[in-house]
Amino acid sequence: MDKQAIAKYLDHTLLKADATHEQLRAVCDEAKKYGVAAVCVNSLNVYFVHKELKGTGIKTCSVVGFPLGAMASAAKAFEAACAIEDGAEEIDMVIDIASAKVGDWRRIEDDIATVHSACDGRAILKVIIETCLLTDEEKVEACLAAKRAGAEFVKTSTGFSTGGATVEDIRLMRETVGPEMGVKASGGVKTYEAACAMIEAGASRIGTSSSSNICD
């Protein structure tokens, strides 16, 4: 895959707590240079980024319940609604990981469905399951819960926990959700070779802060 084509898989990401408007503008400029799929930021920065990307065709993506997922579902839904109002076209939410660890998959499904309802067809929903904290069985169940709840994507990682995306996890997630859902690899994908490996394993999006390394 050539580097121009791979750019269309990338969600160019800046999620640092101290990200300034100057840094966000630089990220948007890089996104425009490479022609990535989306720019992913914290919900506070959605309005600014959406204005910077206006007319480019590059989507504005907001994380929600990030990075822990340990918030009330209603709070996640409210954050998603606020981000959409500010211009977000994609929402990346973190699941209730504690409920996943005790096997309360109904609660996980309800958590995702509540946020998906807040998206109300105005934004697609990507569900971060934080694979590094889950067993393979739990990864499968989390993906199935996201599918039942109507989410458009499942996503590996926040990049803020103990590990990131692996080829093995992408392959497992793709096998679980089938061809109709998106699978996003995020966390530690920093090179062209790593990005290609994720796509070959089944990723349809890649979250990265290293778009220049991948595309240059």
C-alpha atoms as a PDB file:
ATOM      1  CA  MET A   1       0.000   0.000   0.000  1.00  0.00           C
ATOM      2  CA  ASP A   2       1.418   3.400  -0.943  1.00  0.00           C
ATOM      3  CA  LYS A   3       1.734   6.108   1.674  1.00  0.00           C
ATOM      4  CA  GLN A   4      -0.909   8.335   0.124  1.00  0.00           C
ATOM      5  CA  ALA A   5      -3.441   5.515   0.371  1.00  0.00           C
ATOM      6  CA  ILE A   6      -2.519   4.651   3.944  1.00  0.00           C
ATOM      7  CA  ALA A   7      -3.195   8.235   5.052  1.00  0.00           C
ATOM      8  CA  LYS A   8      -6.912   7.626   4.464  1.00  0.00           C
ATOM      9  CA  TYR A   9      -6.812   5.077   7.314  1.00  0.00           C
ATOM     10  CA  LEU A  10      -5.370   7.493   9.860  1.00  0.00           C
ATOM     11  CA  ASP A  11      -7.011   9.355  12.728  1.00  0.00           C
ATOM     12  CA  HIS A  12      -4.321  11.965  13.453  1.00  0.00           C
ATOM     13  CA  THR A  13      -4.398  12.339  17.231  1.00  0.00           C
ATOM     14  CA  LEU A  14      -3.532  14.870  19.925  1.00  0.00           C
ATOM     15  CA  LEU A  15      -4.936  13.976  23.347  1.00  0.00           C
ATOM     16  CA  LYS A  16      -2.457  15.566  25.740  1.00  0.00           C
ATOM     17  CA  ALA A  17      -4.020  17.497  28.590  1.00  0.00           C
ATOM     18  CA  ASP A  18      -1.824  20.517  27.904  1.00  0.00           C
ATOM     19  CA  ALA A  19      -2.447  20.724  24.152  1.00  0.00           C
ATOM     20  CA  THR A  20      -2.506  24.388  23.131  1.00  0.00           C
ATOM     21  CA  HIS A  21      -4.312  25.981  20.194  1.00  0.00           C
ATOM     22  CA  GLU A  22      -0.948  26.416  18.513  1.00  0.00           C
ATOM     23  CA  GLN A  23      -0.256  22.684  18.818  1.00  0.00           C
ATOM     24  CA  LEU A  24      -3.769  21.795  17.682  1.00  0.00           C
ATOM     25  CA  ARG A  25      -3.413  24.056  14.639  1.00  0.00           C
ATOM     26  CA  ALA A  26      -0.139  22.315  13.767  1.00  0.00           C
ATOM     27  CA  VAL A  27      -1.855  18.930  14.002  1.00  0.00           C
ATOM     28  CA  CYS A  28      -4.635  20.149  11.702  1.00  0.00           C
ATOM     29  CA  ASP A  29      -2.047  21.457   9.249  1.00  0.00           C
ATOM     30  CA  GLU A  30      -0.366  18.038   9.223  1.00  0.00           C
ATOM     31  CA  ALA A  31      -3.748  16.388   8.717  1.00  0.00           C
ATOM     32  CA  LYS A  32      -4.376  18.573   5.684  1.00  0.00           C
ATOM     33  CA  LYS A  33      -0.891  17.900   4.322  1.00  0.00           C
ATOM     34  CA  TYR A  34      -1.324  14.135   4.375  1.00  0.00           C
ATOM     35  CA  GLY A  35      -5.069  13.916   3.749  1.00  0.00           C
ATOM     36  CA  VAL A  36      -5.912  11.760   6.767  1.00  0.00           C
ATOM     37  CA  ALA A  37      -9.386  10.469   7.642  1.00  0.00           C
ATOM     38  CA  ALA A  38      -9.882  12.426  10.872  1.00  0.00           C
ATOM     39  CA  VAL A  39      -8.291  14.476  13.621  1.00  0.00           C
ATOM     40  CA  CYS A  40      -8.999  13.076  17.097  1.00  0.00           C
ATOM     41  CA  VAL A  41      -8.923  15.385  20.133  1.00  0.00           C
ATOM     42  CA  ASN A  42     -10.410  15.851  23.586  1.00  0.00           C
ATOM     43  CA  SER A  43     -13.957  17.206  23.591  1.00  0.00           C
ATOM     44  CA  LEU A  44     -12.804  20.605  24.898  1.00  0.00           C
ATOM     45  CA  ASN A  45     -10.898  21.134  21.640  1.00  0.00           C
ATOM     46  CA  VAL A  46     -13.530  19.971  19.157  1.00  0.00           C
ATOM     47  CA  TYR A  47     -14.898  23.424  18.307  1.00  0.00           C
ATOM     48  CA  PHE A  48     -11.444  24.810  17.507  1.00  0.00           C
ATOM     49  CA  VAL A  49     -10.397  21.790  15.435  1.00  0.00           C
ATOM     50  CA  HIS A  50     -13.671  21.632  13.531  1.00  0.00           C
ATOM     51  CA  LYS A  51     -13.188  25.240  12.440  1.00  0.00           C
ATOM     52  CA  GLU A  52      -9.604  24.527  11.384  1.00  0.00           C
ATOM     53  CA  LEU A  53     -10.732  21.559   9.261  1.00  0.00           C
ATOM     54  CA  LYS A  54     -13.756  23.209   7.668  1.00  0.00           C
ATOM     55  CA  GLY A  55     -14.000  22.477   3.954  1.00  0.00           C
ATOM     56  CA  THR A  56     -11.220  19.882   3.928  1.00  0.00           C
ATOM     57  CA  GLY A  57     -13.329  16.721   4.126  1.00  0.00           C
ATOM     58  CA  ILE A  58     -11.304  15.612   7.152  1.00  0.00           C
ATOM     59  CA  LYS A  59     -13.554  14.545  10.031  1.00  0.00           C
ATOM     60  CA  THR A  60     -13.388  15.895  13.566  1.00  0.00           C
ATOM     61  CA  CYS A  61     -13.315  13.109  16.161  1.00  0.00           C
ATOM     62  CA  SER A  62     -13.784  13.509  19.914  1.00  0.00           C
ATOM     63  CA  VAL A  63     -12.915  11.078  22.683  1.00  0.00           C
ATOM     64  CA  VAL A  64     -15.547  10.598  25.393  1.00  0.00           C
ATOM     65  CA  GLY A  65     -15.191   9.208  28.921  1.00  0.00           C
ATOM     66  CA  PHE A  66     -11.482   9.308  28.261  1.00  0.00           C
ATOM     67  CA  PRO A  67      -9.158   7.727  29.229  1.00  0.00           C
ATOM     68  CA  LEU A  68     -10.633   5.615  32.061  1.00  0.00           C
ATOM     69  CA  GLY A  69     -14.237   4.953  31.002  1.00  0.00           C
ATOM     70  CA  ALA A  70     -15.162   5.104  34.695  1.00  0.00           C
ATOM     71  CA  MET A  71     -17.938   7.662  34.324  1.00  0.00           C
ATOM     72  CA  ALA A  72     -21.714   7.392  34.405  1.00  0.00           C
ATOM     73  CA  SER A  73     -23.202   6.479  31.045  1.00  0.00           C
ATOM     74  CA  ALA A  74     -25.340   9.621  31.168  1.00  0.00           C
ATOM     75  CA  ALA A  75     -22.184  11.713  31.625  1.00  0.00           C
ATOM     76  CA  LYS A  76     -20.569  10.055  28.608  1.00  0.00           C
ATOM     77  CA  ALA A  77     -23.712  10.647  26.572  1.00  0.00           C
ATOM     78  CA  PHE A  78     -23.797  14.310  27.593  1.00  0.00           C
ATOM     79  CA  GLU A  79     -20.144  14.766  26.666  1.00  0.00           C
ATOM     80  CA  ALA A  80     -20.814  13.114  23.294  1.00  0.00           C
ATOM     81  CA  ALA A  81     -23.802  15.389  22.656  1.00  0.00           C
ATOM     82  CA  CYS A  82     -21.767  18.482  23.540  1.00  0.00           C
ATOM     83  CA  ALA A  83     -18.927  17.392  21.250  1.00  0.00           C
ATOM     84  CA  ILE A  84     -21.344  16.776  18.383  1.00  0.00           C
ATOM     85  CA  GLU A  85     -22.887  20.185  18.916  1.00  0.00           C
ATOM     86  CA  ASP A  86     -19.371  21.642  18.629  1.00  0.00           C
ATOM     87  CA  GLY A  87     -18.770  19.818  15.341  1.00  0.00           C
ATOM     88  CA  ALA A  88     -17.624  16.272  16.121  1.00  0.00           C
ATOM     89  CA  GLU A  89     -18.562  13.806  13.407  1.00  0.00           C
ATOM     90  CA  GLU A  90     -17.018  10.803  15.150  1.00  0.00           C
ATOM     91  CA  ILE A  91     -17.050   9.811  18.832  1.00  0.00           C
ATOM     92  CA  ASP A  92     -14.515   7.444  20.443  1.00  0.00           C
ATOM     93  CA  MET A  93     -15.873   6.332  23.830  1.00  0.00           C
ATOM     94  CA  VAL A  94     -14.212   4.229  26.526  1.00  0.00           C
ATOM     95  CA  ILE A  95     -16.273   1.390  27.965  1.00  0.00           C
ATOM     96  CA  ASP A  96     -16.894   0.677  31.654  1.00  0.00           C
ATOM     97  CA  ILE A  97     -13.858  -1.575  31.999  1.00  0.00           C
ATOM     98  CA  ALA A  98     -14.653  -2.663  35.555  1.00  0.00           C
ATOM     99  CA  SER A  99     -17.967  -4.128  34.384  1.00  0.00           C
ATOM    100  CA  ALA A 100     -16.129  -5.970  31.620  1.00  0.00           C
ATOM    101  CA  LYS A 101     -13.773  -7.517  34.152  1.00  0.00           C
ATOM    102  CA  VAL A 102     -16.694  -8.950  36.159  1.00  0.00           C
ATOM    103  CA  GLY A 103     -18.555 -10.112  33.047  1.00  0.00           C
ATOM    104  CA  ASP A 104     -21.498  -7.716  33.281  1.00  0.00           C
ATOM    105  CA  TRP A 105     -21.975  -7.548  29.532  1.00  0.00           C
ATOM    106  CA  ARG A 106     -25.522  -6.220  29.775  1.00  0.00           C
ATOM    107  CA  ARG A 107     -24.188  -3.173  31.585  1.00  0.00           C
ATOM    108  CA  ILE A 108     -21.477  -2.748  28.940  1.00  0.00           C
ATOM    109  CA  GLU A 109     -24.070  -2.961  26.186  1.00  0.00           C
ATOM    110  CA  ASP A 110     -26.285  -0.415  27.935  1.00  0.00           C
ATOM    111  CA  ASP A 111     -23.311   1.922  28.450  1.00  0.00           C
ATOM    112  CA  ILE A 112     -22.511   1.843  24.732  1.00  0.00           C
ATOM    113  CA  ALA A 113     -26.147   2.079  23.656  1.00  0.00           C
ATOM    114  CA  THR A 114     -26.651   5.194  25.799  1.00  0.00           C
ATOM    115  CA  VAL A 115     -23.798   6.976  24.036  1.00  0.00           C
ATOM    116  CA  HIS A 116     -24.874   5.671  20.639  1.00  0.00           C
ATOM    117  CA  SER A 117     -28.329   7.115  21.250  1.00  0.00           C
ATOM    118  CA  ALA A 118     -26.747  10.488  22.026  1.00  0.00           C
ATOM    119  CA  CYS A 119     -24.935  10.328  18.692  1.00  0.00           C
ATOM    120  CA  ASP A 120     -28.416  10.196  17.119  1.00  0.00           C
ATOM    121  CA  GLY A 121     -27.145   9.472  13.620  1.00  0.00           C
ATOM    122  CA  ARG A 122     -25.098  12.690  13.600  1.00  0.00           C
ATOM    123  CA  ALA A 123     -21.806  11.007  14.466  1.00  0.00           C
ATOM    124  CA  ILE A 124     -20.432   7.492  14.214  1.00  0.00           C
ATOM    125  CA  LEU A 125     -19.442   5.729  17.431  1.00  0.00           C
ATOM    126  CA  LYS A 126     -16.149   3.944  18.000  1.00  0.00           C
ATOM    127  CA  VAL A 127     -15.932   1.874  21.186  1.00  0.00           C
ATOM    128  CA  ILE A 128     -12.581   1.669  22.978  1.00  0.00           C
ATOM    129  CA  ILE A 129     -12.392  -1.649  24.819  1.00  0.00           C
ATOM    130  CA  GLU A 130      -8.831  -1.189  26.216  1.00  0.00           C
ATOM    131  CA  THR A 131      -7.541  -4.566  25.070  1.00  0.00           C
ATOM    132  CA  CYS A 132      -4.447  -4.530  27.296  1.00  0.00           C
ATOM    133  CA  LEU A 133      -6.688  -4.913  30.363  1.00  0.00           C
ATOM    134  CA  LEU A 134      -8.862  -7.722  28.973  1.00  0.00           C
ATOM    135  CA  THR A 135      -8.489 -11.434  28.332  1.00  0.00           C
ATOM    136  CA  ASP A 136      -9.175 -12.717  24.828  1.00  0.00           C
ATOM    137  CA  GLU A 137     -12.588 -13.944  25.982  1.00  0.00           C
ATOM    138  CA  GLU A 138     -13.378 -10.521  27.430  1.00  0.00           C
ATOM    139  CA  LYS A 139     -12.234  -8.825  24.212  1.00  0.00           C
ATOM    140  CA  VAL A 140     -14.654 -10.973  22.230  1.00  0.00           C
ATOM    141  CA  GLU A 141     -17.549 -10.263  24.596  1.00  0.00           C
ATOM    142  CA  ALA A 142     -16.828  -6.524  24.604  1.00  0.00           C
ATOM    143  CA  CYS A 143     -16.813  -6.454  20.801  1.00  0.00           C
ATOM    144  CA  LEU A 144     -20.090  -8.363  20.668  1.00  0.00           C
ATOM    145  CA  ALA A 145     -21.663  -5.949  23.168  1.00  0.00           C
ATOM    146  CA  ALA A 146     -20.583  -3.012  20.986  1.00  0.00           C
ATOM    147  CA  LYS A 147     -22.063  -4.705  17.948  1.00  0.00           C
ATOM    148  CA  ARG A 148     -25.384  -5.372  19.705  1.00  0.00           C
ATOM    149  CA  ALA A 149     -25.508  -1.751  20.910  1.00  0.00           C
ATOM    150  CA  GLY A 150     -25.267  -0.445  17.345  1.00  0.00           C
ATOM    151  CA  ALA A 151     -21.748   1.010  17.409  1.00  0.00           C
ATOM    152  CA  GLU A 152     -20.023   1.455  14.065  1.00  0.00           C
ATOM    153  CA  PHE A 153     -16.480   0.608  15.250  1.00  0.00           C
ATOM    154  CA  VAL A 154     -14.561  -1.197  17.949  1.00  0.00           C
ATOM    155  CA  LYS A 155     -11.179   0.207  18.937  1.00  0.00           C
ATOM    156  CA  THR A 156      -8.263  -1.374  20.776  1.00  0.00           C
ATOM    157  CA  SER A 157      -6.855   1.191  23.134  1.00  0.00           C
ATOM    158  CA  THR A 158      -6.686   4.647  24.653  1.00  0.00           C
ATOM    159  CA  GLY A 159      -2.903   4.713  24.491  1.00  0.00           C
ATOM    160  CA  PHE A 160      -2.955   5.812  28.140  1.00  0.00           C
ATOM    161  CA  SER A 161      -2.990   2.373  29.816  1.00  0.00           C
ATOM    162  CA  THR A 162      -0.502  -0.495  29.982  1.00  0.00           C
ATOM    163  CA  GLY A 163      -0.365  -1.322  26.276  1.00  0.00           C
ATOM    164  CA  GLY A 164      -1.608  -0.495  22.814  1.00  0.00           C
ATOM    165  CA  ALA A 165      -2.718  -2.183  19.625  1.00  0.00           C
ATOM    166  CA  THR A 166      -1.366  -5.566  18.561  1.00  0.00           C
ATOM    167  CA  VAL A 167      -1.797  -7.438  15.309  1.00  0.00           C
ATOM    168  CA  GLU A 168      -3.224 -10.374  17.257  1.00  0.00           C
ATOM    169  CA  ASP A 169      -5.905  -8.222  18.881  1.00  0.00           C
ATOM    170  CA  ILE A 170      -6.878  -6.621  15.572  1.00  0.00           C
ATOM    171  CA  ARG A 171      -7.225 -10.050  13.995  1.00  0.00           C
ATOM    172  CA  LEU A 172      -9.358 -11.289  16.914  1.00  0.00           C
ATOM    173  CA  MET A 173     -11.586  -8.207  16.854  1.00  0.00           C
ATOM    174  CA  ARG A 174     -12.097  -8.425  13.091  1.00  0.00           C
ATOM    175  CA  GLU A 175     -12.991 -12.108  13.329  1.00  0.00           C
ATOM    176  CA  THR A 176     -15.473 -11.278  16.104  1.00  0.00           C
ATOM    177  CA  VAL A 177     -17.341  -8.360  14.526  1.00  0.00           C
ATOM    178  CA  GLY A 178     -17.192  -9.527  10.912  1.00  0.00           C
ATOM    179  CA  PRO A 179     -16.872  -7.298   7.846  1.00  0.00           C
ATOM    180  CA  GLU A 180     -19.730  -4.922   8.602  1.00  0.00           C
ATOM    181  CA  MET A 181     -18.109  -3.051  11.522  1.00  0.00           C
ATOM    182  CA  GLY A 182     -14.988  -0.937  11.586  1.00  0.00           C
ATOM    183  CA  VAL A 183     -11.962  -1.929  13.654  1.00  0.00           C
ATOM    184  CA  LYS A 184      -9.580   0.787  14.843  1.00  0.00           C
ATOM    185  CA  ALA A 185      -6.017   0.068  15.940  1.00  0.00           C
ATOM    186  CA  SER A 186      -4.755   2.672  18.383  1.00  0.00           C
ATOM    187  CA  GLY A 187      -1.805   2.907  20.728  1.00  0.00           C
ATOM    188  CA  GLY A 188       1.801   2.495  19.670  1.00  0.00           C
ATOM    189  CA  VAL A 189       1.320   2.468  15.883  1.00  0.00           C
ATOM    190  CA  LYS A 190       4.209   4.716  14.881  1.00  0.00           C
ATOM    191  CA  THR A 191       5.672   3.420  11.613  1.00  0.00           C
ATOM    192  CA  TYR A 192       4.532   2.708   8.069  1.00  0.00           C
ATOM    193  CA  GLU A 193       5.353  -0.978   8.548  1.00  0.00           C
ATOM    194  CA  ALA A 194       3.298  -1.204  11.755  1.00  0.00           C
ATOM    195  CA  ALA A 195       0.352   0.539  10.112  1.00  0.00           C
ATOM    196  CA  CYS A 196       0.466  -1.840   7.138  1.00  0.00           C
ATOM    197  CA  ALA A 197       0.539  -4.832   9.504  1.00  0.00           C
ATOM    198  CA  MET A 198      -2.564  -3.547  11.311  1.00  0.00           C
ATOM    199  CA  ILE A 199      -4.444  -3.024   8.049  1.00  0.00           C
ATOM    200  CA  GLU A 200      -3.468  -6.478   6.807  1.00  0.00           C
ATOM    201  CA  ALA A 201      -4.800  -7.936  10.086  1.00  0.00           C
ATOM    202  CA  GLY A 202      -8.169  -6.231   9.589  1.00  0.00           C
ATOM    203  CA  ALA A 203      -7.928  -2.631  10.805  1.00  0.00           C
ATOM    204  CA  SER A 204     -10.027  -0.101   8.921  1.00  0.00           C
ATOM    205  CA  ARG A 205      -8.746   2.878  10.937  1.00  0.00           C
ATOM    206  CA  ILE A 206      -5.536   3.630  12.801  1.00  0.00           C
ATOM    207  CA  GLY A 207      -5.247   6.157  15.612  1.00  0.00           C
ATOM    208  CA  THR A 208      -1.806   7.687  15.759  1.00  0.00           C
ATOM    209  CA  SER A 209       0.114  10.789  16.728  1.00  0.00           C
ATOM    210  CA  SER A 210       2.846   9.695  14.275  1.00  0.00           C
ATOM    211  CA  SER A 211       1.176  10.393  10.944  1.00  0.00           C
ATOM    212  CA  SER A 212       4.301  12.159   9.653  1.00  0.00           C
ATOM    213  CA  ASN A 213       6.438   9.085  10.421  1.00  0.00           C
ATOM    214  CA  ILE A 214       3.951   6.830   8.669  1.00  0.00           C
ATOM    215  CA  CYS A 215       3.306   8.993   5.606  1.00  0.00           C
ATOM    216  CA  ASP A 216       6.679  10.599   4.862  1.00  0.00           C
END
